[in-house]
N, C-alpha and C. Protein backbone atom coordinates (compact mmCIF):
# COMPACT_ATOMS: atom_id res chain seq x y z
N ASP A 1 -9.98 107.97 -6.38
CA ASP A 1 -8.89 107.04 -6.14
C ASP A 1 -8.31 107.18 -4.75
N ALA A 2 -9.00 107.83 -3.91
CA ALA A 2 -8.55 107.94 -2.53
C ALA A 2 -8.62 106.58 -1.88
N ASN A 3 -7.97 106.48 -0.70
CA ASN A 3 -7.93 105.18 -0.04
C ASN A 3 -9.32 104.64 0.23
N THR A 4 -10.26 105.53 0.39
CA THR A 4 -11.62 105.06 0.62
C THR A 4 -12.50 105.27 -0.59
N GLY A 5 -11.93 105.58 -1.74
CA GLY A 5 -12.69 105.86 -2.96
C GLY A 5 -12.92 104.61 -3.77
N ALA A 6 -13.22 104.88 -5.12
CA ALA A 6 -13.57 103.75 -5.98
C ALA A 6 -12.46 102.76 -6.13
N HIS A 7 -11.12 103.28 -6.09
CA HIS A 7 -9.99 102.37 -6.24
C HIS A 7 -9.18 102.29 -4.97
N GLY A 8 -9.71 102.75 -3.86
CA GLY A 8 -8.98 102.72 -2.59
C GLY A 8 -9.00 101.34 -2.00
N ASN A 9 -8.35 101.26 -0.84
CA ASN A 9 -8.25 99.95 -0.20
C ASN A 9 -9.60 99.36 0.14
N THR A 10 -10.54 100.25 0.39
CA THR A 10 -11.87 99.72 0.69
C THR A 10 -12.86 100.01 -0.43
N GLY A 11 -12.40 100.45 -1.56
CA GLY A 11 -13.28 100.78 -2.68
C GLY A 11 -13.58 99.56 -3.53
N ALA A 12 -14.05 99.88 -4.77
CA ALA A 12 -14.49 98.80 -5.65
C ALA A 12 -13.37 97.86 -6.02
N HIS A 13 -12.09 98.40 -6.11
CA HIS A 13 -10.94 97.57 -6.46
C HIS A 13 -10.01 97.42 -5.28
N GLY A 14 -10.40 97.82 -4.10
CA GLY A 14 -9.56 97.72 -2.92
C GLY A 14 -9.53 96.30 -2.40
N ASN A 15 -8.82 96.16 -1.30
CA ASN A 15 -8.67 94.82 -0.74
C ASN A 15 -10.00 94.19 -0.36
N THR A 16 -10.95 95.03 -0.01
CA THR A 16 -12.26 94.47 0.33
C THR A 16 -13.31 94.82 -0.71
N GLY A 17 -12.91 95.32 -1.86
CA GLY A 17 -13.84 95.72 -2.90
C GLY A 17 -14.22 94.55 -3.78
N ALA A 18 -14.75 94.92 -4.99
CA ALA A 18 -15.26 93.89 -5.88
C ALA A 18 -14.19 92.94 -6.35
N HIS A 19 -12.90 93.47 -6.48
CA HIS A 19 -11.80 92.63 -6.91
C HIS A 19 -10.82 92.42 -5.79
N GLY A 20 -11.17 92.75 -4.56
CA GLY A 20 -10.29 92.57 -3.43
C GLY A 20 -10.27 91.13 -2.97
N ASN A 21 -9.55 90.92 -1.88
CA ASN A 21 -9.40 89.55 -1.40
C ASN A 21 -10.72 88.91 -1.03
N THR A 22 -11.68 89.74 -0.62
CA THR A 22 -12.98 89.17 -0.28
C THR A 22 -14.04 89.54 -1.30
N GLY A 23 -13.67 90.06 -2.44
CA GLY A 23 -14.62 90.48 -3.46
C GLY A 23 -15.03 89.34 -4.36
N ALA A 24 -15.63 89.74 -5.54
CA ALA A 24 -16.17 88.73 -6.43
C ALA A 24 -15.10 87.81 -6.98
N HIS A 25 -13.84 88.35 -7.14
CA HIS A 25 -12.74 87.55 -7.65
C HIS A 25 -11.71 87.29 -6.58
N GLY A 26 -12.01 87.60 -5.33
CA GLY A 26 -11.08 87.38 -4.24
C GLY A 26 -11.08 85.94 -3.80
N ASN A 27 -10.34 85.70 -2.74
CA ASN A 27 -10.19 84.33 -2.27
C ASN A 27 -11.51 83.70 -1.87
N THR A 28 -12.44 84.53 -1.40
CA THR A 28 -13.72 83.98 -1.01
C THR A 28 -14.84 84.41 -1.93
N GLY A 29 -14.54 85.00 -3.07
CA GLY A 29 -15.56 85.48 -4.00
C GLY A 29 -16.00 84.38 -4.96
N ALA A 30 -16.69 84.83 -6.05
CA ALA A 30 -17.25 83.87 -7.00
C ALA A 30 -16.18 83.04 -7.68
N HIS A 31 -14.96 83.64 -7.85
CA HIS A 31 -13.87 82.91 -8.47
C HIS A 31 -12.76 82.65 -7.49
N GLY A 32 -13.01 82.78 -6.20
CA GLY A 32 -12.01 82.52 -5.17
C GLY A 32 -11.93 81.04 -4.85
N ASN A 33 -11.19 80.76 -3.79
CA ASN A 33 -10.98 79.35 -3.44
C ASN A 33 -12.28 78.63 -3.12
N THR A 34 -13.27 79.39 -2.62
CA THR A 34 -14.55 78.76 -2.33
C THR A 34 -15.59 79.13 -3.37
N GLY A 35 -15.25 79.69 -4.47
CA GLY A 35 -16.18 80.10 -5.52
C GLY A 35 -16.51 78.97 -6.45
N ALA A 36 -17.34 79.31 -7.51
CA ALA A 36 -17.83 78.29 -8.43
C ALA A 36 -16.71 77.66 -9.23
N ALA A 37 -15.58 78.46 -9.47
CA ALA A 37 -14.50 77.93 -10.29
C ALA A 37 -13.31 77.50 -9.45
N ALA A 38 -13.48 77.29 -8.17
CA ALA A 38 -12.37 76.88 -7.31
C ALA A 38 -11.81 75.57 -7.80
N LYS A 39 -10.48 75.44 -7.75
CA LYS A 39 -9.84 74.28 -8.35
C LYS A 39 -10.22 72.98 -7.64
N ALA A 40 -10.56 73.04 -6.37
CA ALA A 40 -10.89 71.80 -5.65
C ALA A 40 -12.14 71.15 -6.19
N THR A 41 -13.15 71.96 -6.52
CA THR A 41 -14.41 71.40 -7.01
C THR A 41 -14.38 71.18 -8.50
N SER A 42 -13.69 72.03 -9.27
CA SER A 42 -13.69 71.89 -10.73
C SER A 42 -12.85 70.71 -11.17
N ALA A 43 -11.76 70.41 -10.45
CA ALA A 43 -10.87 69.35 -10.88
C ALA A 43 -11.30 67.98 -10.38
N VAL A 44 -11.89 67.92 -9.19
CA VAL A 44 -12.17 66.63 -8.57
C VAL A 44 -13.63 66.21 -8.69
N ASP A 45 -14.55 67.13 -8.43
CA ASP A 45 -15.96 66.78 -8.36
C ASP A 45 -16.75 67.24 -9.57
N GLY A 46 -16.11 67.45 -10.70
CA GLY A 46 -16.81 67.92 -11.89
C GLY A 46 -17.70 66.85 -12.48
N PRO A 47 -18.42 67.19 -13.58
CA PRO A 47 -19.39 66.24 -14.14
C PRO A 47 -18.76 64.99 -14.72
N HIS A 48 -17.41 65.03 -15.00
CA HIS A 48 -16.77 63.86 -15.59
C HIS A 48 -15.92 63.12 -14.58
N ALA A 49 -16.18 63.31 -13.32
CA ALA A 49 -15.40 62.63 -12.30
C ALA A 49 -15.71 61.14 -12.31
N GLN A 50 -14.74 60.33 -11.92
CA GLN A 50 -14.93 58.88 -11.88
C GLN A 50 -15.91 58.50 -10.79
N PRO A 51 -16.80 57.53 -11.03
CA PRO A 51 -17.75 57.10 -9.99
C PRO A 51 -17.01 56.43 -8.85
N SER A 52 -17.56 56.57 -7.67
CA SER A 52 -16.96 55.95 -6.51
C SER A 52 -17.24 54.46 -6.50
N GLN A 53 -16.55 53.73 -5.67
CA GLN A 53 -16.74 52.29 -5.58
C GLN A 53 -18.15 51.95 -5.13
N SER A 54 -18.71 52.76 -4.22
CA SER A 54 -20.06 52.47 -3.73
C SER A 54 -21.09 52.61 -4.83
N ALA A 55 -20.91 53.61 -5.72
CA ALA A 55 -21.85 53.78 -6.84
C ALA A 55 -21.77 52.59 -7.78
N GLU A 56 -20.54 52.09 -8.02
CA GLU A 56 -20.40 50.94 -8.90
C GLU A 56 -21.09 49.72 -8.30
N SER A 57 -21.01 49.58 -6.99
CA SER A 57 -21.64 48.43 -6.33
C SER A 57 -23.15 48.48 -6.46
N LEU A 58 -23.71 49.70 -6.34
CA LEU A 58 -25.17 49.83 -6.43
C LEU A 58 -25.67 49.52 -7.83
N ASP A 59 -24.86 49.88 -8.85
CA ASP A 59 -25.31 49.69 -10.22
C ASP A 59 -25.01 48.31 -10.76
N SER A 60 -24.21 47.53 -10.06
CA SER A 60 -23.83 46.22 -10.58
C SER A 60 -25.01 45.27 -10.56
N LYS A 61 -25.04 44.34 -11.51
CA LYS A 61 -26.11 43.37 -11.61
C LYS A 61 -25.59 42.00 -11.19
N PRO A 62 -26.42 41.20 -10.53
CA PRO A 62 -25.96 39.89 -10.10
C PRO A 62 -25.69 38.97 -11.28
N ASP A 63 -24.78 38.08 -11.11
CA ASP A 63 -24.46 37.09 -12.13
C ASP A 63 -25.67 36.19 -12.34
N ASP A 64 -25.99 35.93 -13.63
CA ASP A 64 -27.14 35.09 -13.92
C ASP A 64 -27.04 33.72 -13.25
N ALA A 65 -25.81 33.24 -13.10
CA ALA A 65 -25.64 31.92 -12.53
C ALA A 65 -26.09 31.85 -11.08
N THR A 66 -26.06 33.00 -10.40
CA THR A 66 -26.45 32.99 -8.99
C THR A 66 -27.95 33.10 -8.82
N THR A 67 -28.69 33.47 -9.87
CA THR A 67 -30.13 33.66 -9.74
C THR A 67 -30.93 32.55 -10.43
N LYS A 68 -30.29 31.69 -11.20
CA LYS A 68 -31.00 30.64 -11.92
C LYS A 68 -31.45 29.55 -10.95
N SER A 69 -32.73 29.19 -11.06
CA SER A 69 -33.26 28.14 -10.19
C SER A 69 -32.59 26.81 -10.52
N PRO A 70 -32.17 26.05 -9.50
CA PRO A 70 -31.56 24.74 -9.76
C PRO A 70 -32.58 23.72 -10.25
N PHE A 71 -33.87 24.07 -10.23
CA PHE A 71 -34.91 23.13 -10.64
C PHE A 71 -35.46 23.46 -12.03
N THR A 72 -34.75 24.31 -12.76
CA THR A 72 -35.17 24.67 -14.11
C THR A 72 -35.31 23.42 -14.99
N GLY A 73 -36.43 23.34 -15.71
CA GLY A 73 -36.65 22.20 -16.60
C GLY A 73 -38.08 21.71 -16.57
N VAL A 74 -38.30 20.54 -17.15
CA VAL A 74 -39.64 19.95 -17.26
C VAL A 74 -39.77 18.81 -16.26
N TRP A 75 -40.91 18.80 -15.56
CA TRP A 75 -41.20 17.79 -14.54
C TRP A 75 -42.52 17.10 -14.90
N SER A 76 -42.63 15.81 -14.64
CA SER A 76 -43.89 15.12 -14.94
C SER A 76 -44.14 14.03 -13.90
N GLY A 77 -45.43 13.69 -13.76
CA GLY A 77 -45.82 12.66 -12.80
C GLY A 77 -47.29 12.33 -12.95
N SER A 78 -47.78 11.47 -12.08
CA SER A 78 -49.18 11.06 -12.11
C SER A 78 -49.75 11.07 -10.70
N PHE A 79 -51.09 11.00 -10.62
CA PHE A 79 -51.75 11.05 -9.32
C PHE A 79 -53.08 10.32 -9.39
N THR A 80 -53.64 10.10 -8.22
CA THR A 80 -54.99 9.56 -8.12
C THR A 80 -55.79 10.48 -7.20
N ALA A 81 -56.83 11.09 -7.74
CA ALA A 81 -57.66 12.01 -6.95
C ALA A 81 -58.63 11.21 -6.08
N VAL A 82 -58.67 11.57 -4.80
CA VAL A 82 -59.57 10.92 -3.85
C VAL A 82 -60.44 11.99 -3.19
N THR A 83 -61.43 11.54 -2.44
CA THR A 83 -62.31 12.48 -1.74
C THR A 83 -61.52 13.23 -0.66
N GLY A 84 -61.60 14.55 -0.71
CA GLY A 84 -60.90 15.36 0.27
C GLY A 84 -61.69 15.44 1.57
N GLN A 85 -60.97 15.40 2.67
CA GLN A 85 -61.61 15.47 3.97
C GLN A 85 -61.90 16.92 4.35
N VAL A 86 -63.09 17.15 4.85
CA VAL A 86 -63.50 18.49 5.30
C VAL A 86 -63.99 18.37 6.73
N SER A 87 -63.46 19.19 7.58
CA SER A 87 -63.84 19.15 9.00
C SER A 87 -64.69 20.35 9.36
N LEU A 88 -65.85 20.08 9.91
CA LEU A 88 -66.76 21.14 10.37
C LEU A 88 -67.26 20.76 11.77
N PRO A 89 -67.60 21.77 12.54
CA PRO A 89 -68.22 21.45 13.84
C PRO A 89 -69.50 20.66 13.64
N LYS A 90 -69.79 19.72 14.53
CA LYS A 90 -70.99 18.90 14.40
C LYS A 90 -72.27 19.73 14.42
N SER A 91 -72.17 20.89 15.01
CA SER A 91 -73.36 21.76 15.07
C SER A 91 -73.60 22.49 13.76
N HIS A 92 -72.64 22.39 12.80
CA HIS A 92 -72.79 23.08 11.51
C HIS A 92 -72.53 22.11 10.36
N PRO A 93 -73.28 21.04 10.24
CA PRO A 93 -73.07 20.10 9.13
C PRO A 93 -73.55 20.71 7.81
N TRP A 94 -72.96 20.27 6.73
CA TRP A 94 -73.42 20.72 5.41
C TRP A 94 -73.83 19.48 4.63
N PRO A 95 -75.12 19.24 4.47
CA PRO A 95 -75.60 18.01 3.84
C PRO A 95 -75.05 17.76 2.45
N ALA A 96 -74.66 18.81 1.74
CA ALA A 96 -74.19 18.64 0.37
C ALA A 96 -73.00 17.70 0.28
N TRP A 97 -72.12 17.71 1.27
CA TRP A 97 -70.95 16.84 1.24
C TRP A 97 -71.32 15.36 1.40
N LYS A 98 -72.51 15.10 1.94
CA LYS A 98 -72.94 13.71 2.09
C LYS A 98 -73.56 13.17 0.80
N LYS A 99 -73.72 14.04 -0.18
CA LYS A 99 -74.34 13.64 -1.44
C LYS A 99 -73.33 13.59 -2.57
N ASP A 100 -72.06 13.45 -2.24
CA ASP A 100 -71.00 13.38 -3.25
C ASP A 100 -71.28 12.20 -4.19
N GLY A 101 -71.50 12.52 -5.46
CA GLY A 101 -71.83 11.48 -6.42
C GLY A 101 -70.64 10.73 -6.99
N GLY A 102 -69.42 11.09 -6.56
CA GLY A 102 -68.25 10.38 -7.05
C GLY A 102 -67.59 10.98 -8.27
N ALA A 103 -68.03 12.17 -8.69
CA ALA A 103 -67.39 12.83 -9.84
C ALA A 103 -65.98 13.28 -9.47
N ARG A 104 -65.14 13.36 -10.48
CA ARG A 104 -63.77 13.87 -10.35
C ARG A 104 -62.89 12.99 -9.45
N LEU A 105 -63.12 11.73 -9.48
CA LEU A 105 -62.27 10.77 -8.76
C LEU A 105 -61.48 9.93 -9.77
N GLY A 106 -60.27 9.59 -9.43
CA GLY A 106 -59.51 8.70 -10.31
C GLY A 106 -58.15 9.24 -10.70
N ALA A 107 -57.62 8.67 -11.76
CA ALA A 107 -56.24 8.92 -12.17
C ALA A 107 -56.10 10.20 -12.98
N GLY A 108 -54.89 10.76 -12.91
CA GLY A 108 -54.58 11.95 -13.69
C GLY A 108 -53.07 12.08 -13.88
N THR A 109 -52.68 12.99 -14.75
CA THR A 109 -51.27 13.25 -15.01
C THR A 109 -50.97 14.73 -14.83
N ALA A 110 -49.70 15.03 -14.58
CA ALA A 110 -49.28 16.41 -14.39
C ALA A 110 -47.95 16.64 -15.10
N GLN A 111 -47.82 17.82 -15.69
CA GLN A 111 -46.55 18.22 -16.28
C GLN A 111 -46.31 19.68 -15.95
N LEU A 112 -45.14 19.96 -15.40
CA LEU A 112 -44.78 21.32 -15.00
C LEU A 112 -43.49 21.74 -15.69
N THR A 113 -43.36 23.03 -15.95
CA THR A 113 -42.13 23.61 -16.48
C THR A 113 -41.66 24.70 -15.54
N VAL A 114 -40.43 24.58 -15.07
CA VAL A 114 -39.85 25.59 -14.18
C VAL A 114 -38.88 26.44 -14.99
N ALA A 115 -39.14 27.74 -15.04
CA ALA A 115 -38.28 28.68 -15.76
C ALA A 115 -37.05 29.01 -14.92
N PRO A 116 -36.01 29.58 -15.54
CA PRO A 116 -34.80 29.93 -14.80
C PRO A 116 -35.04 30.86 -13.61
N ASP A 117 -36.08 31.71 -13.70
CA ASP A 117 -36.36 32.63 -12.60
C ASP A 117 -37.26 32.01 -11.53
N GLY A 118 -37.61 30.72 -11.69
CA GLY A 118 -38.43 30.04 -10.70
C GLY A 118 -39.92 30.03 -11.01
N ALA A 119 -40.35 30.71 -12.08
CA ALA A 119 -41.77 30.70 -12.44
C ALA A 119 -42.18 29.31 -12.91
N VAL A 120 -43.36 28.89 -12.49
CA VAL A 120 -43.85 27.55 -12.80
C VAL A 120 -45.13 27.64 -13.63
N THR A 121 -45.16 26.91 -14.73
CA THR A 121 -46.37 26.77 -15.55
C THR A 121 -46.56 25.30 -15.84
N GLY A 122 -47.78 24.94 -16.25
CA GLY A 122 -47.99 23.54 -16.56
C GLY A 122 -49.45 23.19 -16.73
N THR A 123 -49.72 21.89 -16.84
CA THR A 123 -51.08 21.41 -17.04
C THR A 123 -51.31 20.13 -16.25
N PHE A 124 -52.56 19.96 -15.83
CA PHE A 124 -53.04 18.71 -15.24
C PHE A 124 -54.11 18.16 -16.17
N ALA A 125 -54.17 16.86 -16.28
CA ALA A 125 -55.20 16.22 -17.11
C ALA A 125 -55.68 14.95 -16.40
N GLY A 126 -56.89 14.54 -16.77
CA GLY A 126 -57.41 13.32 -16.17
C GLY A 126 -58.67 13.56 -15.36
N ALA A 127 -58.76 12.91 -14.21
CA ALA A 127 -59.98 12.92 -13.41
C ALA A 127 -60.44 14.31 -13.00
N LEU A 128 -59.50 15.21 -12.76
CA LEU A 128 -59.86 16.57 -12.31
C LEU A 128 -60.16 17.52 -13.47
N GLY A 129 -60.10 17.00 -14.68
CA GLY A 129 -60.30 17.85 -15.84
C GLY A 129 -58.96 18.48 -16.24
N GLU A 130 -58.99 19.29 -17.27
CA GLU A 130 -57.78 19.98 -17.72
C GLU A 130 -57.60 21.25 -16.88
N LEU A 131 -56.47 21.31 -16.20
CA LEU A 131 -56.20 22.44 -15.32
C LEU A 131 -54.90 23.13 -15.72
N ASP A 132 -54.91 24.45 -15.70
CA ASP A 132 -53.70 25.23 -15.89
C ASP A 132 -53.01 25.42 -14.55
N VAL A 133 -51.69 25.39 -14.57
CA VAL A 133 -50.91 25.58 -13.36
C VAL A 133 -50.09 26.87 -13.50
N ARG A 134 -50.16 27.72 -12.47
CA ARG A 134 -49.37 28.95 -12.45
C ARG A 134 -48.85 29.14 -11.03
N GLY A 135 -47.54 29.31 -10.91
CA GLY A 135 -46.98 29.51 -9.57
C GLY A 135 -45.50 29.79 -9.62
N ARG A 136 -44.83 29.51 -8.49
CA ARG A 136 -43.39 29.74 -8.38
C ARG A 136 -42.77 28.69 -7.48
N ILE A 137 -41.49 28.47 -7.70
CA ILE A 137 -40.70 27.66 -6.79
C ILE A 137 -39.59 28.54 -6.25
N GLU A 138 -39.57 28.71 -4.95
CA GLU A 138 -38.59 29.55 -4.28
C GLU A 138 -37.84 28.70 -3.27
N ASP A 139 -36.51 28.79 -3.31
CA ASP A 139 -35.68 27.90 -2.53
C ASP A 139 -36.02 26.48 -2.96
N VAL A 140 -36.69 25.70 -2.13
CA VAL A 140 -37.10 24.34 -2.54
C VAL A 140 -38.62 24.17 -2.48
N THR A 141 -39.34 25.26 -2.24
CA THR A 141 -40.79 25.18 -2.01
C THR A 141 -41.59 25.62 -3.24
N LEU A 142 -42.50 24.75 -3.67
CA LEU A 142 -43.39 25.05 -4.79
C LEU A 142 -44.75 25.48 -4.25
N ARG A 143 -45.26 26.59 -4.79
CA ARG A 143 -46.62 27.05 -4.51
C ARG A 143 -47.25 27.44 -5.83
N ALA A 144 -48.41 26.85 -6.13
CA ALA A 144 -49.06 27.13 -7.42
C ALA A 144 -50.57 27.02 -7.29
N GLY A 145 -51.24 27.72 -8.20
CA GLY A 145 -52.70 27.66 -8.27
C GLY A 145 -53.13 26.82 -9.45
N LEU A 146 -54.29 26.19 -9.33
CA LEU A 146 -54.86 25.35 -10.39
C LEU A 146 -56.19 25.96 -10.82
N ALA A 147 -56.36 26.13 -12.12
CA ALA A 147 -57.60 26.71 -12.65
C ALA A 147 -58.01 25.96 -13.91
N PRO A 148 -59.31 25.83 -14.16
CA PRO A 148 -59.78 25.07 -15.34
C PRO A 148 -59.42 25.74 -16.65
N LYS A 149 -58.99 24.93 -17.63
CA LYS A 149 -58.68 25.45 -18.95
C LYS A 149 -59.96 25.65 -19.75
N ASN A 150 -60.92 24.71 -19.59
CA ASN A 150 -62.18 24.76 -20.33
C ASN A 150 -63.31 25.08 -19.35
N THR A 151 -63.81 26.29 -19.42
CA THR A 151 -64.84 26.72 -18.45
C THR A 151 -66.23 26.18 -18.79
N ASP A 152 -66.34 25.39 -19.85
CA ASP A 152 -67.65 24.83 -20.22
C ASP A 152 -67.89 23.46 -19.59
N GLU A 153 -66.88 22.90 -18.96
CA GLU A 153 -67.03 21.57 -18.36
C GLU A 153 -67.89 21.64 -17.10
N PRO A 154 -68.60 20.57 -16.76
CA PRO A 154 -69.36 20.54 -15.50
C PRO A 154 -68.41 20.29 -14.34
N ASP A 155 -68.83 20.69 -13.16
CA ASP A 155 -68.05 20.47 -11.94
C ASP A 155 -66.61 20.96 -12.08
N LEU A 156 -66.46 22.19 -12.51
CA LEU A 156 -65.11 22.76 -12.68
C LEU A 156 -64.38 22.78 -11.35
N MET A 157 -63.11 22.42 -11.40
CA MET A 157 -62.32 22.33 -10.18
C MET A 157 -61.24 23.42 -10.17
N ARG A 158 -61.03 23.97 -9.00
CA ARG A 158 -59.95 24.93 -8.77
C ARG A 158 -59.24 24.53 -7.48
N GLY A 159 -57.99 24.87 -7.38
CA GLY A 159 -57.29 24.48 -6.15
C GLY A 159 -55.88 24.97 -6.08
N VAL A 160 -55.11 24.32 -5.21
CA VAL A 160 -53.73 24.71 -4.96
C VAL A 160 -52.84 23.48 -5.03
N LEU A 161 -51.58 23.74 -5.35
CA LEU A 161 -50.57 22.70 -5.41
C LEU A 161 -49.38 23.16 -4.57
N LEU A 162 -48.98 22.36 -3.61
CA LEU A 162 -47.85 22.67 -2.74
C LEU A 162 -46.85 21.53 -2.81
N GLY A 163 -45.57 21.86 -2.84
CA GLY A 163 -44.58 20.80 -2.94
C GLY A 163 -43.21 21.20 -2.47
N THR A 164 -42.34 20.20 -2.36
CA THR A 164 -40.95 20.40 -1.96
C THR A 164 -40.05 19.65 -2.93
N ALA A 165 -39.08 20.35 -3.49
CA ALA A 165 -38.17 19.75 -4.45
C ALA A 165 -36.88 19.29 -3.76
N THR A 166 -36.43 18.12 -4.15
CA THR A 166 -35.17 17.58 -3.64
C THR A 166 -34.45 16.90 -4.80
N GLY A 167 -33.39 17.54 -5.27
CA GLY A 167 -32.67 16.97 -6.40
C GLY A 167 -33.55 16.89 -7.62
N ALA A 168 -33.74 15.69 -8.17
CA ALA A 168 -34.56 15.50 -9.36
C ALA A 168 -35.95 14.98 -9.02
N LYS A 169 -36.41 15.20 -7.78
CA LYS A 169 -37.72 14.73 -7.35
C LYS A 169 -38.51 15.87 -6.73
N LEU A 170 -39.79 15.93 -7.03
CA LEU A 170 -40.67 16.96 -6.48
C LEU A 170 -41.87 16.27 -5.86
N ASP A 171 -41.96 16.27 -4.54
CA ASP A 171 -43.11 15.70 -3.84
C ASP A 171 -44.13 16.80 -3.60
N ALA A 172 -45.38 16.53 -3.97
CA ALA A 172 -46.40 17.58 -3.89
C ALA A 172 -47.74 17.02 -3.44
N THR A 173 -48.58 17.91 -2.98
CA THR A 173 -49.96 17.58 -2.66
C THR A 173 -50.86 18.60 -3.35
N LEU A 174 -52.02 18.16 -3.75
CA LEU A 174 -52.97 19.09 -4.35
C LEU A 174 -54.31 18.96 -3.64
N ARG A 175 -55.04 20.04 -3.65
CA ARG A 175 -56.38 20.06 -3.08
C ARG A 175 -57.24 20.95 -3.95
N THR A 176 -58.37 20.40 -4.40
CA THR A 176 -59.25 21.13 -5.30
C THR A 176 -60.70 21.01 -4.82
N SER A 177 -61.51 21.92 -5.33
CA SER A 177 -62.94 21.85 -5.03
C SER A 177 -63.72 22.44 -6.19
N SER A 178 -65.00 22.07 -6.27
CA SER A 178 -65.88 22.64 -7.28
C SER A 178 -66.27 24.06 -6.86
N GLY A 179 -66.88 24.77 -7.79
CA GLY A 179 -67.23 26.16 -7.51
C GLY A 179 -68.16 26.33 -6.33
N ASP A 180 -69.07 25.38 -6.11
CA ASP A 180 -69.99 25.49 -4.98
C ASP A 180 -69.45 24.83 -3.72
N GLY A 181 -68.24 24.25 -3.82
CA GLY A 181 -67.63 23.63 -2.66
C GLY A 181 -68.18 22.27 -2.30
N ALA A 182 -69.11 21.75 -3.09
CA ALA A 182 -69.73 20.47 -2.75
C ALA A 182 -68.82 19.29 -3.05
N ILE A 183 -67.91 19.44 -4.03
CA ILE A 183 -66.98 18.37 -4.39
C ILE A 183 -65.58 18.79 -3.96
N VAL A 184 -64.96 17.99 -3.13
CA VAL A 184 -63.61 18.29 -2.66
C VAL A 184 -62.73 17.09 -2.98
N ARG A 185 -61.60 17.35 -3.65
CA ARG A 185 -60.70 16.28 -4.03
C ARG A 185 -59.27 16.61 -3.60
N ALA A 186 -58.51 15.55 -3.31
CA ALA A 186 -57.12 15.72 -2.88
C ALA A 186 -56.28 14.61 -3.52
N ALA A 187 -54.98 14.86 -3.57
CA ALA A 187 -54.07 13.86 -4.13
C ALA A 187 -52.64 14.17 -3.71
N THR A 188 -51.84 13.15 -3.67
CA THR A 188 -50.40 13.32 -3.51
C THR A 188 -49.73 12.82 -4.78
N LEU A 189 -48.63 13.41 -5.13
CA LEU A 189 -47.94 13.00 -6.35
C LEU A 189 -46.46 13.29 -6.23
N THR A 190 -45.69 12.54 -6.98
CA THR A 190 -44.25 12.75 -7.09
C THR A 190 -43.92 12.99 -8.55
N LEU A 191 -43.30 14.15 -8.80
CA LEU A 191 -42.92 14.49 -10.17
C LEU A 191 -41.41 14.30 -10.33
N ALA A 192 -41.00 13.76 -11.46
CA ALA A 192 -39.58 13.55 -11.75
C ALA A 192 -39.12 14.53 -12.82
N LYS A 193 -37.89 14.98 -12.67
CA LYS A 193 -37.34 15.91 -13.66
C LYS A 193 -36.94 15.15 -14.91
N GLN A 194 -37.36 15.66 -16.08
CA GLN A 194 -37.09 14.98 -17.35
C GLN A 194 -35.71 15.33 -17.89
């Protein structure tokens, strides 16, 4: 118990010992002001602390009304498929395009459904055969792919559909071709919202 012993000023219980001001329970020890049980961290930053405003902002979800496409609904229209123009250098002609027998020309109909998230599905029928439509409308621009529903038909056509929506009207163009590229068809159409 001398000043430098087990209970002295510098001993195990002294000012600098295990229970001293700088010891395990001192101001800077395990239970001191900067320790694991310090009141600043236990009272304010504990596991049940309220989330900050920034955390709430990150976790918040947008209002459905702000994300719903204004073009949600069913659209329909008709078209007339014509021979699509193909440009090649004169030094690289492809005779197959000169032998177009006139297949896949004529009238057709289209019906599209726009989901609230902008996804587009639908069908084409008529001169181009039965085609499935899959795509999206973002802002006012429609982009979709066309693929045959019945793969047993001759001269199957595949292509793209591009359009611009304005109010209750959707102006679009389509371009399709057969699998070997020998038949190329194009059309313009206007679809109205039902």
